[in-house]
């Protein structure tokens, strides 16, 4: 992983980028340093909630305050994890 080897067995041919998230100078994959791209993607995700809230209104022109997720099992895992990660940034108390 630290050498940029494509070891992701669930998505063959793709890099497992976990170590690229750290403050490392470089990890080369196919001759390209992927660390700046991984950091840029992480920054986009960190800015997503604020950008989304600023750009979207509900059906009555009001700010979106609630999101409803209907799902069970694996389909519910992603939305639950996103909620848990972002709830501290909410204006709702």
Protein backbone atom coordinates (compact mmCIF):
# COMPACT_ATOMS: atom_id res chain seq x y z
CA UNK A 1 0.00 0.00 0.00
CA UNK A 2 2.82 2.42 0.88
CA UNK A 3 4.49 1.69 -2.46
CA UNK A 4 1.40 2.42 -4.56
CA UNK A 5 0.72 -1.23 -5.36
CA UNK A 6 -2.81 -1.94 -6.58
CA UNK A 7 -3.83 -4.30 -3.77
CA UNK A 8 -7.55 -3.54 -3.57
CA UNK A 9 -9.01 -7.03 -4.11
CA UNK A 10 -12.64 -5.84 -4.14
CA UNK A 11 -11.97 -3.45 -7.02
CA UNK A 12 -9.16 -5.10 -8.99
CA UNK A 13 -6.66 -2.70 -10.51
CA UNK A 14 -7.44 0.12 -8.09
CA UNK A 15 -5.19 1.56 -5.45
CA UNK A 16 -6.15 1.26 -1.78
CA UNK A 17 -5.62 4.96 -0.98
CA UNK A 18 -5.93 4.87 2.80
CA UNK A 19 -2.28 5.74 3.42
CA UNK A 20 -2.43 8.57 0.87
CA UNK A 21 -4.80 10.43 3.21
CA UNK A 22 -1.97 10.94 5.70
CA UNK A 23 0.47 13.82 5.42
CA UNK A 24 2.90 11.93 3.20
CA UNK A 25 4.94 13.66 0.56
CA UNK A 26 4.21 11.19 -2.22
CA UNK A 27 2.88 7.81 -3.26
CA UNK A 28 3.43 7.01 -6.91
CA UNK A 29 1.01 4.89 -8.93
CA UNK A 30 1.86 4.30 -12.55
CA UNK A 31 4.43 7.10 -12.30
CA UNK A 32 1.97 9.67 -10.90
CA UNK A 33 1.94 11.07 -7.34
CA UNK A 34 -1.63 10.39 -6.14
CA UNK A 35 -1.39 12.14 -2.74
CA UNK A 36 -2.45 15.63 -3.99
CA UNK A 37 -5.49 14.14 -5.75
CA UNK A 38 -6.52 12.20 -2.64
CA UNK A 39 -6.16 15.32 -0.45
CA UNK A 40 -8.18 17.39 -2.94
CA UNK A 41 -10.96 14.80 -2.87
CA UNK A 42 -10.95 14.79 0.95
CA UNK A 43 -11.24 18.59 0.97
CA UNK A 44 -14.23 18.42 -1.39
CA UNK A 45 -15.97 15.97 0.96
CA UNK A 46 -15.28 18.19 3.97
CA UNK A 47 -16.80 21.18 2.16
CA UNK A 48 -19.76 19.25 0.73
CA UNK A 49 -22.34 19.81 3.54
CA UNK A 50 -21.89 23.59 3.55
CA UNK A 51 -21.88 23.85 -0.24
CA UNK A 52 -24.94 21.61 -0.54
CA UNK A 53 -26.91 23.58 2.05
CA UNK A 54 -26.01 26.88 0.39
CA UNK A 55 -27.00 25.69 -3.08
CA UNK A 56 -30.22 23.79 -2.42
CA UNK A 57 -33.66 24.74 -1.22
CA UNK A 58 -36.57 22.54 -0.36
CA UNK A 59 -39.74 22.41 -2.45
CA UNK A 60 -41.15 25.56 -0.82
CA UNK A 61 -38.01 27.68 -1.22
CA UNK A 62 -36.99 27.05 2.38
CA UNK A 63 -33.72 25.69 3.69
CA UNK A 64 -33.50 21.89 3.89
CA UNK A 65 -33.53 20.88 7.53
CA UNK A 66 -34.28 17.17 7.47
CA UNK A 67 -33.26 14.24 5.31
CA UNK A 68 -35.13 10.95 5.49
CA UNK A 69 -33.35 7.70 4.71
CA UNK A 70 -35.29 4.50 4.17
CA UNK A 71 -33.08 1.45 4.14
CA UNK A 72 -32.00 -1.60 6.07
CA UNK A 73 -28.86 -3.66 6.29
CA UNK A 74 -26.02 -2.67 3.99
CA UNK A 75 -28.06 -0.02 2.17
CA UNK A 76 -28.49 1.80 5.47
CA UNK A 77 -24.82 1.72 6.50
CA UNK A 78 -23.58 4.57 4.28
CA UNK A 79 -26.31 7.07 5.20
CA UNK A 80 -25.97 6.22 8.92
CA UNK A 81 -22.20 6.70 8.79
CA UNK A 82 -22.61 10.01 6.95
CA UNK A 83 -25.14 11.19 9.54
CA UNK A 84 -22.89 10.24 12.44
CA UNK A 85 -19.90 11.96 10.83
CA UNK A 86 -21.74 15.18 9.97
CA UNK A 87 -24.17 15.66 12.86
CA UNK A 88 -21.67 17.77 14.79
CA UNK A 89 -21.69 20.33 11.95
CA UNK A 90 -25.46 20.77 12.02
CA UNK A 91 -27.11 23.99 13.17
CA UNK A 92 -29.81 21.89 14.86
CA UNK A 93 -29.10 21.32 18.51
